[in-house]
Amino acid sequence: MLEVARRAGDEPVSLATVSRNTHLSRAYLEQLAMALRNARLMKGVCGKGGGYRLGRDPADITVREILEAVMGPIAIVECVEDPASCMLAEYCECRPVYGLINQRITEALSSFTLADLLDSDRVAGMRQQLDRGAVQQRGCPAIRGAARGADT
């Protein structure tokens, strides 16, 4: 989707071009393209010079829509979407936690659009935010040691 969006314009983008630029096999891209077409996220253009175009403006296509088109509904465990898949779902203490995690994942995926991923400044900001989070989670070894009362 990003490769098609980057080359958005009057001419459709061929899967051969996408394959060459992304190093993904054409057979795999054909599977993805079919799913994305069925979800109306991309449009196929037949004939000489044919290929694919976005089905909507990149700002109107969420990352969640893309992932669900190619992978199905977001569900960290099957029982979140289908309680009947587990005979213990009604009594399971973990299922509400899985449901909340799943809800937050889908909210996060819905908050980003294809246009966001095309914006290099936005992506750089996300990388910085991710890096800051990784540093905060790891923390400074000296501080971790001091917190435990160890000599540093």
Protein backbone atom coordinates (compact mmCIF):
# COMPACT_ATOMS: atom_id res chain seq x y z
CA MET A 1 0.00 0.00 0.00
CA LEU A 2 2.83 2.39 0.81
CA GLU A 3 4.54 1.70 -2.49
CA VAL A 4 1.32 2.30 -4.43
CA ALA A 5 0.62 5.42 -2.37
CA ARG A 6 4.13 6.79 -2.96
CA ARG A 7 3.62 6.49 -6.68
CA ALA A 8 0.05 7.75 -6.62
CA GLY A 9 -0.75 9.85 -9.60
CA ASP A 10 -2.29 9.38 -12.98
CA GLU A 11 -0.52 6.13 -13.82
CA PRO A 12 -1.32 2.88 -12.02
CA VAL A 13 1.54 1.03 -10.32
CA SER A 14 2.33 -2.50 -11.50
CA LEU A 15 2.98 -5.34 -9.09
CA ALA A 16 6.29 -5.89 -10.89
CA THR A 17 7.34 -2.37 -9.86
CA VAL A 18 6.17 -2.93 -6.30
CA SER A 19 7.99 -6.27 -6.19
CA ARG A 20 11.22 -4.74 -7.48
CA ASN A 21 11.09 -1.85 -5.00
CA THR A 22 10.04 -3.82 -1.93
CA HIS A 23 11.84 -7.13 -2.58
CA LEU A 24 8.58 -9.00 -2.01
CA SER A 25 7.63 -11.82 -4.36
CA ARG A 26 5.08 -11.07 -7.03
CA ALA A 27 3.03 -14.13 -6.01
CA TYR A 28 2.76 -12.79 -2.45
CA LEU A 29 1.88 -9.31 -3.71
CA GLU A 30 -0.87 -10.79 -5.88
CA GLN A 31 -2.44 -12.35 -2.77
CA LEU A 32 -2.22 -9.05 -0.91
CA ALA A 33 -3.57 -7.10 -3.88
CA MET A 34 -6.60 -9.39 -4.14
CA ALA A 35 -7.42 -8.90 -0.45
CA LEU A 36 -6.88 -5.12 -0.67
CA ARG A 37 -9.03 -4.93 -3.79
CA ASN A 38 -11.82 -6.89 -2.10
CA ALA A 39 -11.69 -4.41 0.77
CA ARG A 40 -11.83 -1.57 -1.78
CA LEU A 41 -8.56 -0.15 -0.50
CA MET A 42 -7.01 -0.54 -3.97
CA LYS A 43 -8.39 -0.52 -7.49
CA GLY A 44 -7.05 -2.63 -10.33
CA VAL A 45 -6.56 -1.04 -13.74
CA CYS A 46 -6.56 -3.44 -16.72
CA GLY A 47 -4.78 -3.11 -20.02
CA LYS A 48 -1.43 -1.89 -21.22
CA GLY A 49 0.14 0.22 -18.49
CA GLY A 50 -2.29 -1.27 -15.97
CA GLY A 51 -1.65 -1.87 -12.32
CA TYR A 52 -3.07 -0.60 -9.07
CA ARG A 53 -4.23 2.67 -7.56
CA LEU A 54 -5.45 3.50 -4.10
CA GLY A 55 -9.17 3.08 -3.59
CA ARG A 56 -9.37 6.21 -1.43
CA ASP A 57 -7.25 9.10 -0.31
CA PRO A 58 -4.32 7.95 1.90
CA ALA A 59 -5.63 10.12 4.74
CA ASP A 60 -8.85 8.08 4.69
CA ILE A 61 -7.20 4.63 4.88
CA THR A 62 -6.24 3.46 8.36
CA VAL A 63 -3.50 0.99 9.19
CA ARG A 64 -6.20 -1.11 10.86
CA GLU A 65 -8.16 -1.35 7.61
CA ILE A 66 -5.06 -2.48 5.73
CA LEU A 67 -4.12 -5.13 8.30
CA GLU A 68 -7.68 -6.44 8.63
CA ALA A 69 -8.01 -6.65 4.85
CA VAL A 70 -5.00 -8.94 4.55
CA MET A 71 -5.06 -10.75 7.92
CA GLY A 72 -8.67 -10.65 9.12
CA PRO A 73 -10.00 -9.14 12.34
CA ILE A 74 -7.46 -8.12 14.97
CA ALA A 75 -7.63 -10.65 17.79
CA ILE A 76 -4.75 -11.58 20.08
CA VAL A 77 -6.62 -14.75 21.01
CA GLU A 78 -9.52 -16.37 19.17
CA CYS A 79 -11.99 -16.15 22.05
CA VAL A 80 -11.90 -12.33 22.04
CA GLU A 81 -13.78 -12.25 18.72
CA ASP A 82 -15.47 -15.66 19.04
CA PRO A 83 -16.37 -16.63 22.64
CA ALA A 84 -17.90 -19.87 21.34
CA SER A 85 -14.40 -21.01 20.33
CA CYS A 86 -13.57 -21.68 23.98
CA MET A 87 -15.76 -23.58 26.40
CA LEU A 88 -14.28 -21.57 29.30
CA ALA A 89 -14.76 -18.11 27.75
CA GLU A 90 -17.68 -17.22 30.00
CA TYR A 91 -15.68 -17.91 33.18
CA CYS A 92 -12.16 -17.04 32.04
CA GLU A 93 -10.42 -14.41 34.17
CA CYS A 94 -7.97 -13.62 31.37
CA ARG A 95 -10.51 -12.99 28.59
CA PRO A 96 -11.44 -9.46 29.80
CA VAL A 97 -7.74 -8.55 29.88
CA TYR A 98 -7.25 -9.94 26.37
CA GLY A 99 -10.33 -8.01 25.27
CA LEU A 100 -8.98 -4.73 26.64
CA ILE A 101 -5.56 -5.33 25.08
CA ASN A 102 -7.25 -6.10 21.79
CA GLN A 103 -9.34 -2.94 22.06
CA ARG A 104 -6.25 -0.80 22.63
CA ILE A 105 -4.42 -2.41 19.72
CA THR A 106 -7.33 -1.74 17.36
CA GLU A 107 -7.62 1.85 18.64
CA ALA A 108 -3.91 2.41 18.01
CA LEU A 109 -4.10 0.90 14.51
CA SER A 110 -7.16 3.03 13.76
CA SER A 111 -5.32 6.19 14.83
CA PHE A 112 -2.72 5.94 12.05
CA THR A 113 -3.43 6.42 8.37
CA LEU A 114 -1.54 5.61 5.22
CA ALA A 115 -0.91 9.35 4.89
CA ASP A 116 0.79 9.32 8.31
CA LEU A 117 3.17 6.61 7.10
CA LEU A 118 3.95 8.64 3.98
CA ASP A 119 4.91 11.67 6.10
CA SER A 120 8.64 11.31 6.82
CA ASP A 121 8.50 13.87 9.64
CA ARG A 122 5.63 11.98 11.30
CA VAL A 123 7.49 8.67 10.97
CA ALA A 124 10.66 10.25 12.42
CA GLY A 125 8.60 11.50 15.37
CA MET A 126 7.18 8.03 15.92
CA ARG A 127 10.71 6.57 15.86
CA GLN A 128 11.86 9.09 18.46
CA GLN A 129 8.84 8.32 20.63
CA LEU A 130 9.55 4.59 20.31
CA ASP A 131 13.22 5.09 21.15
CA ARG A 132 12.34 7.18 24.23
CA GLY A 133 9.95 4.47 25.37
CA ALA A 134 12.60 1.80 24.93
CA VAL A 135 15.07 3.84 27.01
CA GLN A 136 12.48 4.43 29.72
CA GLN A 137 11.62 0.72 29.85
CA ARG A 138 15.25 -0.38 30.02
CA GLY A 139 16.22 2.51 32.25
CA CYS A 140 19.67 3.40 33.36
CA PRO A 141 21.46 0.38 34.90
CA ALA A 142 22.88 2.57 37.68
CA ILE A 143 19.42 3.81 38.61
CA ARG A 144 17.99 0.28 38.56
CA GLY A 145 20.80 -0.88 40.86
CA ALA A 146 20.29 2.07 43.22
CA ALA A 147 16.57 1.37 43.34
CA ARG A 148 17.36 -2.14 44.58
CA GLY A 149 19.81 -0.79 47.13
CA ALA A 150 22.85 -2.18 45.30
CA ASP A 151 26.14 -0.33 45.17
CA THR A 152 26.86 1.21 41.78
